[in-house]
Amino acid sequence: MNKGDLVAEVAKVVKSKRVAEDAVSCVFEAITKSLKKGQAVTLVGFGTFGVGKRKARVGRNPQTGAAIKIAAKKVPKFTAGKALKIAVK
């Protein structure tokens, strides 16, 4: 399922594709803003979006084999909630 499919599913409930697209975009923007601030987003029964940290490390260029430094960075992560895990079983 992609964003268009998700909008189509929401449109079945709200009866308007434009309203559904705005709602889906708003949810994604709200989650992104919270993660940028370093705050976790918990959707009870679905899961938690959070921010993880990766340490700096040394990697290899696959073409030349030369060592390169990979900087530390923050990455988004998702942990599924209990209800979602049960539904997927």
Protein backbone atom coordinates (compact mmCIF):
# COMPACT_ATOMS: atom_id res chain seq x y z
CA MET A 1 0.00 0.00 0.00
CA ASN A 2 1.33 3.44 -0.88
CA LYS A 3 0.15 6.94 0.05
CA GLY A 4 -2.38 7.02 -2.82
CA ASP A 5 -3.92 3.75 -1.68
CA LEU A 6 -4.13 5.06 1.88
CA VAL A 7 -5.85 8.24 0.66
CA ALA A 8 -8.34 6.11 -1.29
CA GLU A 9 -9.18 4.07 1.84
CA VAL A 10 -9.71 7.22 3.93
CA ALA A 11 -11.81 8.74 1.13
CA LYS A 12 -14.25 5.85 1.46
CA VAL A 13 -15.01 7.05 5.00
CA VAL A 14 -14.98 10.83 4.52
CA LYS A 15 -16.63 10.73 1.06
CA SER A 16 -14.11 13.17 -0.44
CA LYS A 17 -10.73 12.35 -1.91
CA ARG A 18 -9.51 15.93 -1.39
CA VAL A 19 -10.39 15.91 2.32
CA ALA A 20 -8.82 12.46 2.69
CA GLU A 21 -5.59 13.62 1.03
CA ASP A 22 -5.43 16.66 3.32
CA ALA A 23 -6.03 14.48 6.40
CA VAL A 24 -3.34 11.95 5.48
CA SER A 25 -0.83 14.70 4.66
CA CYS A 26 -1.62 16.44 7.95
CA VAL A 27 -0.99 13.26 9.94
CA PHE A 28 2.34 12.66 8.19
CA GLU A 29 3.41 16.28 8.74
CA ALA A 30 2.50 16.15 12.45
CA ILE A 31 4.51 12.95 12.94
CA THR A 32 7.48 14.44 11.06
CA LYS A 33 7.41 17.67 13.11
CA SER A 34 7.36 15.75 16.39
CA LEU A 35 10.25 13.53 15.32
CA LYS A 36 12.28 16.58 14.24
CA LYS A 37 11.86 17.93 17.79
CA GLY A 38 13.06 14.58 19.16
CA GLN A 39 9.64 13.67 20.56
CA ALA A 40 8.15 10.20 20.18
CA VAL A 41 4.68 9.75 18.67
CA THR A 42 2.64 6.98 20.30
CA LEU A 43 -0.53 5.72 18.64
CA VAL A 44 -2.10 3.36 21.17
CA GLY A 45 -2.76 -0.04 19.63
CA PHE A 46 -0.74 0.78 16.50
CA GLY A 47 2.79 1.62 17.58
CA THR A 48 5.38 4.23 18.41
CA PHE A 49 7.43 6.38 16.07
CA GLY A 50 10.69 7.52 17.63
CA VAL A 51 14.16 8.82 16.87
CA GLY A 52 17.19 6.55 17.16
CA LYS A 53 20.85 7.49 17.09
CA ARG A 54 23.57 5.86 15.02
CA LYS A 55 27.17 6.25 16.10
CA ALA A 56 29.89 7.42 13.76
CA ARG A 57 31.72 4.53 12.10
CA VAL A 58 34.19 3.62 9.41
CA GLY A 59 32.79 2.12 6.21
CA ARG A 60 34.27 0.91 2.94
CA ASN A 61 33.78 2.18 -0.59
CA PRO A 62 32.61 -0.97 -2.41
CA GLN A 63 34.31 0.02 -5.68
CA THR A 64 37.75 0.96 -4.36
CA GLY A 65 37.83 -0.63 -0.93
CA ALA A 66 38.97 2.68 0.57
CA ALA A 67 37.96 3.44 4.16
CA ILE A 68 35.50 6.31 4.58
CA LYS A 69 34.14 7.97 7.69
CA ILE A 70 30.38 7.78 8.16
CA ALA A 71 29.10 10.53 10.45
CA ALA A 72 26.79 9.96 13.40
CA LYS A 73 23.15 10.69 12.64
CA LYS A 74 19.60 10.45 13.89
CA VAL A 75 17.25 8.00 12.19
CA PRO A 76 13.48 7.44 12.44
CA LYS A 77 12.34 4.16 13.95
CA PHE A 78 9.01 2.44 14.46
CA THR A 79 8.02 -0.06 17.13
CA ALA A 80 4.78 -1.94 16.50
CA GLY A 81 2.17 -1.98 19.27
CA LYS A 82 0.63 -5.10 20.76
CA ALA A 83 -2.64 -4.85 18.83
CA LEU A 84 -0.79 -4.47 15.51
CA LYS A 85 1.44 -7.45 16.26
CA ILE A 86 -1.62 -9.59 17.06
CA ALA A 87 -3.44 -8.43 13.90
CA VAL A 88 -0.50 -9.37 11.69
CA LYS A 89 0.00 -12.85 13.18
